[in-house]
Amino acid sequence: MRAVIQRVLEASVIIDGKLESAIGSGLLILLGIEAADDENDSIWLSQKICNMRLFDDAQGVMNFSVGDVNGELLLISQFTLYAATKKGNRPSYIDAARPEIAKPLYERMISQLQHDLGKSVATGIFGANMKVALVNHGPVTIIIDSKNKG
């Protein structure tokens, strides 16, 4: 699993002209899933996201996690995070998991984040054409890949 995490002051997702979800201060998570991913990837990635210190303390040092600041999460599925761009000008998505594999893992990630954060997580709709808006705070943008646990 690959995640692009952005610290936001606010974020929202619109689907078919309707507001699907919105959050205030917290993290917008764009999640890509590849065919080799499994439940262990979602457990590790969720714990990493929920515990990563991305929020400022009184001295302006990133010492607090999203839970420490009672922040919110917005999770959006995004298969294009597995775009292969080595050849030509048209990205290939061969490494992205097919929907029958990716959707259950996306739903598992929602559950895992809710468990680890201890509250509900806002989401988009898997496979939908979404308009995502955000106000990146910092900016702070982190990329995490569960295959680089090291």
Protein backbone atom coordinates (compact mmCIF):
# COMPACT_ATOMS: atom_id res chain seq x y z
CA MET A 1 0.00 0.00 0.00
CA ARG A 2 1.14 3.46 -0.81
CA ALA A 3 -0.20 6.57 0.89
CA VAL A 4 0.25 10.25 0.25
CA ILE A 5 -0.56 12.00 3.52
CA GLN A 6 -1.22 15.72 3.66
CA ARG A 7 -1.66 17.73 6.85
CA VAL A 8 -4.69 19.91 6.21
CA LEU A 9 -6.65 22.72 7.79
CA GLU A 10 -9.65 21.35 5.89
CA ALA A 11 -10.40 18.88 3.11
CA SER A 12 -13.47 17.68 1.27
CA VAL A 13 -14.60 15.36 -1.50
CA ILE A 14 -17.44 16.03 -3.95
CA ILE A 15 -19.02 13.26 -6.01
CA ASP A 16 -21.60 13.95 -8.72
CA GLY A 17 -21.86 17.56 -7.56
CA LYS A 18 -22.68 16.59 -3.95
CA LEU A 19 -20.51 16.93 -0.88
CA GLU A 20 -19.65 13.36 0.15
CA SER A 21 -17.32 14.08 3.09
CA ALA A 22 -15.45 16.93 4.71
CA ILE A 23 -13.02 17.34 7.59
CA GLY A 24 -11.45 20.18 9.50
CA SER A 25 -7.90 20.01 10.80
CA GLY A 26 -6.31 16.61 10.26
CA LEU A 27 -4.92 14.42 7.50
CA LEU A 28 -6.02 13.79 3.93
CA ILE A 29 -4.85 10.32 2.91
CA LEU A 30 -4.68 9.28 -0.74
CA LEU A 31 -4.38 5.47 -0.74
CA GLY A 32 -3.08 3.25 -3.53
CA ILE A 33 -3.36 -0.53 -3.30
CA GLU A 34 -1.35 -3.06 -5.29
CA ALA A 35 -2.18 -6.70 -5.93
CA ALA A 36 0.50 -7.95 -3.49
CA ASP A 37 -1.02 -6.03 -0.55
CA ASP A 38 -2.88 -7.75 2.27
CA GLU A 39 -4.41 -7.06 5.67
CA ASN A 40 -0.97 -6.77 7.29
CA ASP A 41 -0.19 -3.80 5.03
CA SER A 42 -3.34 -2.01 6.21
CA ILE A 43 -2.54 -2.68 9.88
CA TRP A 44 1.04 -1.39 9.58
CA LEU A 45 0.10 1.63 7.47
CA SER A 46 -2.81 2.64 9.68
CA GLN A 47 -0.66 2.52 12.81
CA LYS A 48 2.06 4.51 11.07
CA ILE A 49 -0.42 7.18 9.94
CA CYS A 50 -2.18 7.46 13.30
CA ASN A 51 1.07 7.69 15.28
CA MET A 52 3.18 9.84 12.96
CA ARG A 53 4.03 13.15 14.60
CA LEU A 54 2.96 15.72 12.01
CA PHE A 55 1.32 18.39 14.18
CA ASP A 56 3.09 21.26 15.91
CA ASP A 57 3.61 21.70 19.63
CA ALA A 58 3.78 25.14 21.29
CA GLN A 59 7.34 25.60 20.00
CA GLY A 60 6.34 24.88 16.39
CA VAL A 61 7.99 21.43 16.36
CA MET A 62 6.06 18.51 14.87
CA ASN A 63 5.63 16.49 18.08
CA PHE A 64 1.95 15.52 18.00
CA SER A 65 0.05 12.83 16.12
CA VAL A 66 -3.38 13.29 14.56
CA GLY A 67 -4.89 11.62 17.63
CA ASP A 68 -2.97 13.87 20.03
CA VAL A 69 -4.57 16.95 18.45
CA ASN A 70 -8.01 15.32 18.05
CA GLY A 71 -7.62 15.69 14.27
CA GLU A 72 -9.74 14.11 11.59
CA LEU A 73 -8.95 11.77 8.69
CA LEU A 74 -10.25 11.78 5.12
CA LEU A 75 -9.34 8.61 3.18
CA ILE A 76 -9.55 8.60 -0.62
CA SER A 77 -8.78 5.58 -2.83
CA GLN A 78 -6.39 6.45 -5.66
CA PHE A 79 -5.12 3.68 -7.93
CA THR A 80 -3.00 6.19 -9.89
CA LEU A 81 -0.43 6.13 -7.05
CA TYR A 82 0.82 2.93 -8.71
CA ALA A 83 1.33 4.51 -12.12
CA ALA A 84 4.33 3.14 -13.98
CA THR A 85 5.88 5.94 -16.03
CA LYS A 86 9.14 4.44 -17.30
CA LYS A 87 8.02 3.88 -20.89
CA GLY A 88 6.25 6.36 -23.11
CA ASN A 89 3.95 9.14 -22.03
CA ARG A 90 0.86 7.16 -21.03
CA PRO A 91 1.08 5.81 -17.48
CA SER A 92 0.46 2.11 -16.97
CA TYR A 93 -1.52 0.98 -13.95
CA ILE A 94 -0.61 -2.69 -14.18
CA ASP A 95 0.76 -2.68 -10.61
CA ALA A 96 -2.48 -1.30 -9.13
CA ALA A 97 -4.74 -3.95 -7.63
CA ARG A 98 -7.89 -4.86 -9.53
CA PRO A 99 -11.11 -3.62 -7.89
CA GLU A 100 -12.05 -7.07 -6.57
CA ILE A 101 -8.80 -7.06 -4.53
CA ALA A 102 -8.50 -3.33 -3.84
CA LYS A 103 -12.03 -2.58 -2.60
CA PRO A 104 -12.01 -5.05 0.33
CA LEU A 105 -8.54 -3.80 1.33
CA TYR A 106 -9.72 -0.19 1.11
CA GLU A 107 -12.67 -1.05 3.34
CA ARG A 108 -10.31 -2.88 5.71
CA MET A 109 -8.14 0.24 5.86
CA ILE A 110 -11.16 2.35 6.82
CA SER A 111 -11.93 -0.04 9.68
CA GLN A 112 -8.30 -0.16 10.79
CA LEU A 113 -7.94 3.64 10.80
CA GLN A 114 -11.18 3.97 12.80
CA HIS A 115 -9.89 1.40 15.29
CA ASP A 116 -6.45 2.99 15.62
CA LEU A 117 -7.73 6.59 15.77
CA GLY A 118 -10.70 5.72 17.97
CA LYS A 119 -13.25 7.61 15.91
CA SER A 120 -15.00 7.70 12.55
CA VAL A 121 -13.03 8.36 9.36
CA ALA A 122 -14.40 10.39 6.45
CA THR A 123 -14.08 8.77 3.01
CA GLY A 124 -14.73 9.12 -0.65
CA ILE A 125 -16.42 6.34 -2.62
CA PHE A 126 -14.23 3.60 -4.03
CA GLY A 127 -13.97 3.85 -7.82
CA ALA A 128 -15.92 7.10 -8.07
CA ASN A 129 -14.83 10.16 -10.02
CA MET A 130 -14.10 12.54 -7.16
CA LYS A 131 -13.23 16.19 -6.77
CA VAL A 132 -10.93 16.50 -3.77
CA ALA A 133 -10.23 19.91 -2.26
CA LEU A 134 -7.79 20.70 0.52
CA VAL A 135 -5.94 23.43 2.30
CA ASN A 136 -2.51 21.92 2.94
CA HIS A 137 -1.12 23.18 6.25
CA GLY A 138 2.61 23.80 6.11
CA PRO A 139 2.69 22.43 3.49
CA VAL A 140 3.28 18.99 4.98
CA THR A 141 3.09 16.08 2.54
CA ILE A 142 4.49 12.62 3.38
CA ILE A 143 4.64 9.51 1.18
CA ILE A 144 4.60 6.11 2.91
CA ASP A 145 4.85 2.70 1.26
CA SER A 146 4.14 -0.45 3.27
CA LYS A 147 6.76 -2.29 1.20
CA ASN A 148 9.44 -0.03 2.75
CA LYS A 149 8.85 -1.04 6.38
CA GLY A 150 12.57 -1.59 6.88
